[in-house]
């Protein structure tokens, strides 16, 4: 079945161009010229991807994104923000709000198509693999959009942050290379997106849990369960074990 895309864009020329381009790719395309109209359309449908302009005439795109991410129906919908706002702070806010990708205007239409195909491909891969991963006391259930630590729900994570944590847990305690994470989660080498998500993930998990995500310089990241992450170097055995070995 062809994917369904909702294009939210107030500029009629840009909206028509996006609709034409995506329809040529055999997607089912719906359009909205405002945040209010988009939310009304979404009352009756759940698309696969939403391309979301930020500078809308009524409801700001960030506010629309917040509303969608607070609704369980749209937790796994891919949101691609399209905007002329290109500062690092704007991009960080976009990802914090729950965007899966961020494309700055002006952009080339082939790049937009590639970004959407990457988002759809990752959705397909996610559905075909085991959706639960755990390491130590941390568990991610992607199918139900749930993260728990010691059985306590963590409700403040975006879906993209859950996906990142899910990969780290599945590979734990092995190193996951930056290049793999970038390609798997964003389909390109955008180090800012990964850095922002690692930072937010550590902050949201809290000090003790966040410290389990270790940076491996020149390689990537790894998740080391609490028992080991309390050591200054997880590869070195605890002092007591080392002393016993020496004896």
C-alpha atoms as a PDB file:
ATOM      1  CA  UNK A   1       0.000   0.000   0.000  1.00  0.00           C
ATOM      2  CA  UNK A   2       1.297   3.464  -0.911  1.00  0.00           C
ATOM      3  CA  UNK A   3       2.245   5.691   1.995  1.00  0.00           C
ATOM      4  CA  UNK A   4       0.027   8.622   2.984  1.00  0.00           C
ATOM      5  CA  UNK A   5       1.567  12.052   3.458  1.00  0.00           C
ATOM      6  CA  UNK A   6       0.005  15.200   4.896  1.00  0.00           C
ATOM      7  CA  UNK A   7       1.628  18.403   3.616  1.00  0.00           C
ATOM      8  CA  UNK A   8       1.075  21.371   5.961  1.00  0.00           C
ATOM      9  CA  UNK A   9       2.189  24.538   4.171  1.00  0.00           C
ATOM     10  CA  UNK A  10       0.607  28.012   4.023  1.00  0.00           C
ATOM     11  CA  UNK A  11       2.316  29.173   0.808  1.00  0.00           C
ATOM     12  CA  UNK A  12      -0.006  28.009  -2.015  1.00  0.00           C
ATOM     13  CA  UNK A  13       2.760  27.752  -4.621  1.00  0.00           C
ATOM     14  CA  UNK A  14       5.027  25.722  -2.366  1.00  0.00           C
ATOM     15  CA  UNK A  15       2.100  23.570  -1.237  1.00  0.00           C
ATOM     16  CA  UNK A  16       1.113  22.783  -4.834  1.00  0.00           C
ATOM     17  CA  UNK A  17       4.692  21.998  -5.783  1.00  0.00           C
ATOM     18  CA  UNK A  18       5.114  19.615  -2.843  1.00  0.00           C
ATOM     19  CA  UNK A  19       1.802  17.941  -3.598  1.00  0.00           C
ATOM     20  CA  UNK A  20       2.737  17.466  -7.270  1.00  0.00           C
ATOM     21  CA  UNK A  21       6.225  16.155  -6.466  1.00  0.00           C
ATOM     22  CA  UNK A  22       5.037  13.633  -3.883  1.00  0.00           C
ATOM     23  CA  UNK A  23       2.085  12.499  -6.002  1.00  0.00           C
ATOM     24  CA  UNK A  24       4.574  11.707  -8.792  1.00  0.00           C
ATOM     25  CA  UNK A  25       6.273   9.359  -6.325  1.00  0.00           C
ATOM     26  CA  UNK A  26       2.925   7.510  -5.983  1.00  0.00           C
ATOM     27  CA  UNK A  27       2.226   8.729  -2.454  1.00  0.00           C
ATOM     28  CA  UNK A  28      -1.302   9.544  -1.311  1.00  0.00           C
ATOM     29  CA  UNK A  29      -1.057  13.255  -0.583  1.00  0.00           C
ATOM     30  CA  UNK A  30      -3.338  15.420   1.552  1.00  0.00           C
ATOM     31  CA  UNK A  31      -2.699  19.122   2.089  1.00  0.00           C
ATOM     32  CA  UNK A  32      -3.496  21.746   4.709  1.00  0.00           C
ATOM     33  CA  UNK A  33      -2.828  25.484   4.580  1.00  0.00           C
ATOM     34  CA  UNK A  34      -2.906  26.099   8.337  1.00  0.00           C
ATOM     35  CA  UNK A  35      -2.335  24.382  11.641  1.00  0.00           C
ATOM     36  CA  UNK A  36      -6.038  24.391  12.438  1.00  0.00           C
ATOM     37  CA  UNK A  37      -6.930  22.767   9.113  1.00  0.00           C
ATOM     38  CA  UNK A  38      -4.188  20.158   9.599  1.00  0.00           C
ATOM     39  CA  UNK A  39      -5.532  19.191  13.026  1.00  0.00           C
ATOM     40  CA  UNK A  40      -9.056  18.946  11.614  1.00  0.00           C
ATOM     41  CA  UNK A  41      -7.847  16.624   8.846  1.00  0.00           C
ATOM     42  CA  UNK A  42      -5.964  14.526  11.394  1.00  0.00           C
ATOM     43  CA  UNK A  43      -9.167  13.966  13.350  1.00  0.00           C
ATOM     44  CA  UNK A  44     -10.127  11.533  10.603  1.00  0.00           C
ATOM     45  CA  UNK A  45      -6.816  10.055   9.445  1.00  0.00           C
ATOM     46  CA  UNK A  46      -3.361   8.988  10.593  1.00  0.00           C
ATOM     47  CA  UNK A  47      -0.772   9.529   7.841  1.00  0.00           C
ATOM     48  CA  UNK A  48       2.619   7.875   7.587  1.00  0.00           C
ATOM     49  CA  UNK A  49       4.503  11.170   7.260  1.00  0.00           C
ATOM     50  CA  UNK A  50       3.667  14.811   7.952  1.00  0.00           C
ATOM     51  CA  UNK A  51       5.690  17.604   6.348  1.00  0.00           C
ATOM     52  CA  UNK A  52       5.159  20.539   8.680  1.00  0.00           C
ATOM     53  CA  UNK A  53       5.910  24.186   7.982  1.00  0.00           C
ATOM     54  CA  UNK A  54       6.671  26.127  11.164  1.00  0.00           C
ATOM     55  CA  UNK A  55       5.577  29.665  10.253  1.00  0.00           C
ATOM     56  CA  UNK A  56       1.876  28.968   9.846  1.00  0.00           C
ATOM     57  CA  UNK A  57      -0.714  31.783   9.951  1.00  0.00           C
ATOM     58  CA  UNK A  58      -2.603  30.523  13.002  1.00  0.00           C
ATOM     59  CA  UNK A  59      -1.005  27.816  15.111  1.00  0.00           C
ATOM     60  CA  UNK A  60       2.781  27.700  15.098  1.00  0.00           C
ATOM     61  CA  UNK A  61       4.220  24.484  13.658  1.00  0.00           C
ATOM     62  CA  UNK A  62       5.992  23.703  16.929  1.00  0.00           C
ATOM     63  CA  UNK A  63       2.680  23.871  18.773  1.00  0.00           C
ATOM     64  CA  UNK A  64       1.095  21.559  16.195  1.00  0.00           C
ATOM     65  CA  UNK A  65       3.951  19.118  16.687  1.00  0.00           C
ATOM     66  CA  UNK A  66       3.497  19.186  20.472  1.00  0.00           C
ATOM     67  CA  UNK A  67      -0.212  18.453  20.125  1.00  0.00           C
ATOM     68  CA  UNK A  68       0.481  15.512  17.822  1.00  0.00           C
ATOM     69  CA  UNK A  69       3.182  14.003  20.018  1.00  0.00           C
ATOM     70  CA  UNK A  70       0.866  14.187  23.045  1.00  0.00           C
ATOM     71  CA  UNK A  71      -1.705  12.062  21.191  1.00  0.00           C
ATOM     72  CA  UNK A  72      -0.966   8.291  21.245  1.00  0.00           C
ATOM     73  CA  UNK A  73      -2.380   7.939  17.720  1.00  0.00           C
ATOM     74  CA  UNK A  74       0.464   9.981  16.264  1.00  0.00           C
ATOM     75  CA  UNK A  75       3.391   8.770  18.362  1.00  0.00           C
ATOM     76  CA  UNK A  76       4.871   6.761  15.496  1.00  0.00           C
ATOM     77  CA  UNK A  77       3.971   9.164  12.672  1.00  0.00           C
ATOM     78  CA  UNK A  78       7.122  10.623  11.104  1.00  0.00           C
ATOM     79  CA  UNK A  79       7.232  14.425  11.224  1.00  0.00           C
ATOM     80  CA  UNK A  80       9.524  16.318   8.835  1.00  0.00           C
ATOM     81  CA  UNK A  81       9.739  20.025   9.613  1.00  0.00           C
ATOM     82  CA  UNK A  82      10.185  22.319   6.590  1.00  0.00           C
ATOM     83  CA  UNK A  83      11.168  25.868   7.519  1.00  0.00           C
ATOM     84  CA  UNK A  84      13.374  28.838   6.756  1.00  0.00           C
ATOM     85  CA  UNK A  85      14.392  28.966  10.444  1.00  0.00           C
ATOM     86  CA  UNK A  86      17.937  27.643  10.258  1.00  0.00           C
ATOM     87  CA  UNK A  87      19.698  28.576  13.506  1.00  0.00           C
ATOM     88  CA  UNK A  88      20.988  25.819  15.773  1.00  0.00           C
ATOM     89  CA  UNK A  89      18.493  26.913  18.465  1.00  0.00           C
ATOM     90  CA  UNK A  90      15.607  26.544  15.993  1.00  0.00           C
ATOM     91  CA  UNK A  91      16.780  23.082  14.955  1.00  0.00           C
ATOM     92  CA  UNK A  92      17.203  22.018  18.596  1.00  0.00           C
ATOM     93  CA  UNK A  93      13.677  23.232  19.408  1.00  0.00           C
ATOM     94  CA  UNK A  94      12.333  21.281  16.465  1.00  0.00           C
ATOM     95  CA  UNK A  95      13.877  18.039  17.636  1.00  0.00           C
ATOM     96  CA  UNK A  96      12.924  18.731  21.259  1.00  0.00           C
ATOM     97  CA  UNK A  97       9.302  19.128  20.209  1.00  0.00           C
ATOM     98  CA  UNK A  98       9.321  15.728  18.554  1.00  0.00           C
ATOM     99  CA  UNK A  99      10.353  16.210  14.928  1.00  0.00           C
ATOM    100  CA  UNK A 100      12.010  13.222  13.255  1.00  0.00           C
ATOM    101  CA  UNK A 101      13.817  15.364  10.695  1.00  0.00           C
ATOM    102  CA  UNK A 102      14.368  19.033   9.884  1.00  0.00           C
ATOM    103  CA  UNK A 103      14.839  20.454   6.381  1.00  0.00           C
ATOM    104  CA  UNK A 104      15.761  24.105   5.887  1.00  0.00           C
ATOM    105  CA  UNK A 105      14.246  26.158   3.069  1.00  0.00           C
ATOM    106  CA  UNK A 106      15.154  26.627   0.298  1.00  0.00           C
ATOM    107  CA  UNK A 107      15.798  22.972  -0.466  1.00  0.00           C
ATOM    108  CA  UNK A 108      15.967  20.781  -3.550  1.00  0.00           C
ATOM    109  CA  UNK A 109      12.905  18.631  -4.187  1.00  0.00           C
ATOM    110  CA  UNK A 110      14.982  15.462  -4.725  1.00  0.00           C
ATOM    111  CA  UNK A 111      16.387  15.921  -1.212  1.00  0.00           C
ATOM    112  CA  UNK A 112      12.864  16.144   0.201  1.00  0.00           C
ATOM    113  CA  UNK A 113      11.919  12.896  -1.547  1.00  0.00           C
ATOM    114  CA  UNK A 114      15.053  11.163  -0.231  1.00  0.00           C
ATOM    115  CA  UNK A 115      14.317  12.331   3.328  1.00  0.00           C
ATOM    116  CA  UNK A 116      10.740  11.022   3.153  1.00  0.00           C
ATOM    117  CA  UNK A 117      11.843   7.686   1.719  1.00  0.00           C
ATOM    118  CA  UNK A 118      14.350   7.346   4.568  1.00  0.00           C
ATOM    119  CA  UNK A 119      11.639   8.043   7.164  1.00  0.00           C
ATOM    120  CA  UNK A 120       9.334   5.470   5.582  1.00  0.00           C
ATOM    121  CA  UNK A 121      12.108   2.897   5.327  1.00  0.00           C
ATOM    122  CA  UNK A 122      12.900   3.184   9.019  1.00  0.00           C
ATOM    123  CA  UNK A 123       9.216   2.766   9.890  1.00  0.00           C
ATOM    124  CA  UNK A 124       9.146  -0.461   7.857  1.00  0.00           C
ATOM    125  CA  UNK A 125      12.308  -1.806   9.487  1.00  0.00           C
ATOM    126  CA  UNK A 126      10.986  -0.961  12.945  1.00  0.00           C
ATOM    127  CA  UNK A 127       7.788  -2.929  12.342  1.00  0.00           C
ATOM    128  CA  UNK A 128       9.648  -6.013  11.156  1.00  0.00           C
ATOM    129  CA  UNK A 129      12.001  -6.406  14.126  1.00  0.00           C
ATOM    130  CA  UNK A 130      11.499  -7.273  17.782  1.00  0.00           C
ATOM    131  CA  UNK A 131      10.170  -4.120  19.388  1.00  0.00           C
ATOM    132  CA  UNK A 132      11.379  -4.571  22.974  1.00  0.00           C
ATOM    133  CA  UNK A 133      14.933  -4.042  24.185  1.00  0.00           C
ATOM    134  CA  UNK A 134      16.328  -4.019  27.722  1.00  0.00           C
ATOM    135  CA  UNK A 135      19.647  -3.680  29.511  1.00  0.00           C
ATOM    136  CA  UNK A 136      20.018  -3.547  33.265  1.00  0.00           C
ATOM    137  CA  UNK A 137      16.945  -1.835  34.689  1.00  0.00           C
ATOM    138  CA  UNK A 138      16.138   0.138  31.510  1.00  0.00           C
ATOM    139  CA  UNK A 139      13.556  -1.112  28.999  1.00  0.00           C
ATOM    140  CA  UNK A 140      12.150   0.284  25.750  1.00  0.00           C
ATOM    141  CA  UNK A 141       8.944  -1.042  24.192  1.00  0.00           C
ATOM    142  CA  UNK A 142       8.680   0.708  20.825  1.00  0.00           C
ATOM    143  CA  UNK A 143       5.416  -0.964  19.886  1.00  0.00           C
ATOM    144  CA  UNK A 144       3.679   0.689  22.843  1.00  0.00           C
ATOM    145  CA  UNK A 145       5.889   3.812  22.979  1.00  0.00           C
ATOM    146  CA  UNK A 146       6.985   3.027  26.518  1.00  0.00           C
ATOM    147  CA  UNK A 147      10.271   3.474  28.394  1.00  0.00           C
ATOM    148  CA  UNK A 148      10.754   2.316  31.974  1.00  0.00           C
ATOM    149  CA  UNK A 149      13.626   2.474  34.455  1.00  0.00           C
ATOM    150  CA  UNK A 150      13.320   0.146  37.440  1.00  0.00           C
ATOM    151  CA  UNK A 151       9.701  -0.281  36.392  1.00  0.00           C
ATOM    152  CA  UNK A 152       8.988   3.468  36.538  1.00  0.00           C
ATOM    153  CA  UNK A 153       7.584   4.930  33.294  1.00  0.00           C
ATOM    154  CA  UNK A 154       9.553   7.707  31.585  1.00  0.00           C
ATOM    155  CA  UNK A 155       6.892   9.741  29.790  1.00  0.00           C
ATOM    156  CA  UNK A 156       9.041  12.672  28.655  1.00  0.00           C
ATOM    157  CA  UNK A 157      10.908  11.026  25.753  1.00  0.00           C
ATOM    158  CA  UNK A 158      10.134  11.708  22.108  1.00  0.00           C
ATOM    159  CA  UNK A 159       9.712   8.760  19.761  1.00  0.00           C
ATOM    160  CA  UNK A 160      13.073   9.496  18.116  1.00  0.00           C
ATOM    161  CA  UNK A 161      14.762   9.475  21.530  1.00  0.00           C
ATOM    162  CA  UNK A 162      13.079   6.125  22.226  1.00  0.00           C
ATOM    163  CA  UNK A 163      14.432   4.766  18.933  1.00  0.00           C
ATOM    164  CA  UNK A 164      17.945   5.919  19.799  1.00  0.00           C
ATOM    165  CA  UNK A 165      17.777   4.367  23.268  1.00  0.00           C
ATOM    166  CA  UNK A 166      16.272   1.196  21.779  1.00  0.00           C
ATOM    167  CA  UNK A 167      19.293   0.736  19.488  1.00  0.00           C
ATOM    168  CA  UNK A 168      21.766   1.371  22.308  1.00  0.00           C
ATOM    169  CA  UNK A 169      19.980  -1.149  24.538  1.00  0.00           C
ATOM    170  CA  UNK A 170      19.843  -3.822  21.831  1.00  0.00           C
ATOM    171  CA  UNK A 171      23.591  -3.483  21.203  1.00  0.00           C
ATOM    172  CA  UNK A 172      24.556  -3.121  24.886  1.00  0.00           C
ATOM    173  CA  UNK A 173      27.308  -3.211  26.010  1.00  0.00           C
ATOM    174  CA  UNK A 174      28.849  -2.997  22.520  1.00  0.00           C
ATOM    175  CA  UNK A 175      29.789   0.302  20.895  1.00  0.00           C
ATOM    176  CA  UNK A 176      27.309   1.619  18.325  1.00  0.00           C
ATOM    177  CA  UNK A 177      29.122   3.692  15.733  1.00  0.00           C
ATOM    178  CA  UNK A 178      28.003   7.250  15.012  1.00  0.00           C
ATOM    179  CA  UNK A 179      27.777   6.499  11.309  1.00  0.00           C
ATOM    180  CA  UNK A 180      25.360   3.631  11.986  1.00  0.00           C
ATOM    181  CA  UNK A 181      23.135   5.734  14.245  1.00  0.00           C
ATOM    182  CA  UNK A 182      23.058   8.620  11.788  1.00  0.00           C
ATOM    183  CA  UNK A 183      22.178   6.423   8.844  1.00  0.00           C
ATOM    184  CA  UNK A 184      19.647   4.339  10.773  1.00  0.00           C
ATOM    185  CA  UNK A 185      17.817   7.203  12.453  1.00  0.00           C
ATOM    186  CA  UNK A 186      18.161  10.064   9.971  1.00  0.00           C
ATOM    187  CA  UNK A 187      19.340   8.511   6.729  1.00  0.00           C
ATOM    188  CA  UNK A 188      22.281  10.908   6.420  1.00  0.00           C
ATOM    189  CA  UNK A 189      25.389  12.232   8.145  1.00  0.00           C
ATOM    190  CA  UNK A 190      23.867  15.016  10.278  1.00  0.00           C
ATOM    191  CA  UNK A 191      25.957  14.997  13.428  1.00  0.00           C
ATOM    192  CA  UNK A 192      23.988  17.879  15.003  1.00  0.00           C
ATOM    193  CA  UNK A 193      20.829  15.792  15.111  1.00  0.00           C
ATOM    194  CA  UNK A 194      22.608  12.917  16.872  1.00  0.00           C
ATOM    195  CA  UNK A 195      24.457  15.166  19.328  1.00  0.00           C
ATOM    196  CA  UNK A 196      21.233  16.949  20.296  1.00  0.00           C
ATOM    197  CA  UNK A 197      19.382  13.677  20.838  1.00  0.00           C
ATOM    198  CA  UNK A 198      22.173  12.127  22.932  1.00  0.00           C
ATOM    199  CA  UNK A 199      22.284  15.265  25.094  1.00  0.00           C
ATOM    200  CA  UNK A 200      18.523  15.293  25.631  1.00  0.00           C
ATOM    201  CA  UNK A 201      18.373  11.563  26.250  1.00  0.00           C
ATOM    202  CA  UNK A 202      20.972  11.801  29.007  1.00  0.00           C
ATOM    203  CA  UNK A 203      19.179  14.750  30.590  1.00  0.00           C
ATOM    204  CA  UNK A 204      15.738  13.146  30.488  1.00  0.00           C
ATOM    205  CA  UNK A 205      16.894   9.796  31.872  1.00  0.00           C
ATOM    206  CA  UNK A 206      18.337  11.555  34.914  1.00  0.00           C
ATOM    207  CA  UNK A 207      21.853  11.624  36.287  1.00  0.00           C
ATOM    208  CA  UNK A 208      22.314   7.965  37.228  1.00  0.00           C
ATOM    209  CA  UNK A 209      20.510   6.476  34.226  1.00  0.00           C
ATOM    210  CA  UNK A 210      21.960   9.046  31.839  1.00  0.00           C
ATOM    211  CA  UNK A 211      25.485   8.120  32.890  1.00  0.00           C
ATOM    212  CA  UNK A 212      24.924   4.664  31.429  1.00  0.00           C
ATOM    213  CA  UNK A 213      25.199   6.170  27.925  1.00  0.00           C
ATOM    214  CA  UNK A 214      28.942   6.404  27.414  1.00  0.00           C
ATOM    215  CA  UNK A 215      30.781   8.276  24.670  1.00  0.00           C
ATOM    216  CA  UNK A 216      33.553   6.311  22.985  1.00  0.00           C
ATOM    217  CA  UNK A 217      35.784   8.982  21.367  1.00  0.00           C
ATOM    218  CA  UNK A 218      36.292   8.516  17.657  1.00  0.00           C
ATOM    219  CA  UNK A 219      33.755   5.685  17.494  1.00  0.00           C
ATOM    220  CA  UNK A 220      30.291   6.326  18.909  1.00  0.00           C
ATOM    221  CA  UNK A 221      28.253   5.455  21.987  1.00  0.00           C
ATOM    222  CA  UNK A 222      27.430   2.465  24.137  1.00  0.00           C
ATOM    223  CA  UNK A 223      24.958   1.705  26.888  1.00  0.00           C
ATOM    224  CA  UNK A 224      26.549   0.102  29.940  1.00  0.00           C
ATOM    225  CA  UNK A 225      24.172  -1.076  32.714  1.00  0.00           C
ATOM    226  CA  UNK A 226      24.497   0.662  36.057  1.00  0.00           C
ATOM    227  CA  UNK A 227      26.617  -2.030  37.680  1.00  0.00           C
ATOM    228  CA  UNK A 228      29.468  -1.199  35.302  1.00  0.00           C
ATOM    229  CA  UNK A 229      28.864   2.457  34.509  1.00  0.00           C
ATOM    230  CA  UNK A 230      29.778   3.470  38.066  1.00  0.00           C
ATOM    231  CA  UNK A 231      33.391   2.544  37.339  1.00  0.00           C
ATOM    232  CA  UNK A 232      35.656   5.174  35.823  1.00  0.00           C
ATOM    233  CA  UNK A 233      36.491   2.667  33.093  1.00  0.00           C
ATOM    234  CA  UNK A 234      33.913  -0.085  32.509  1.00  0.00           C
ATOM    235  CA  UNK A 235      36.508  -2.397  30.971  1.00  0.00           C
ATOM    236  CA  UNK A 236      38.555  -2.528  34.197  1.00  0.00           C
ATOM    237  CA  UNK A 237      37.320  -4.992  36.868  1.00  0.00           C
ATOM    238  CA  UNK A 238      36.281  -3.652  40.298  1.00  0.00           C
ATOM    239  CA  UNK A 239      39.175  -3.191  42.769  1.00  0.00           C
ATOM    240  CA  UNK A 240      38.099  -6.133  44.940  1.00  0.00           C
ATOM    241  CA  UNK A 241      38.085  -8.508  41.983  1.00  0.00           C
ATOM    242  CA  UNK A 242      41.441  -7.167  40.806  1.00  0.00           C
ATOM    243  CA  UNK A 243      42.976  -7.636  44.277  1.00  0.00           C
ATOM    244  CA  UNK A 244      41.658 -11.191  44.539  1.00  0.00           C
ATOM    245  CA  UNK A 245      43.089 -11.952  41.137  1.00  0.00           C
ATOM    246  CA  UNK A 246      46.472 -10.559  42.119  1.00  0.00           C
ATOM    247  CA  UNK A 247      46.516 -12.627  45.301  1.00  0.00           C
END
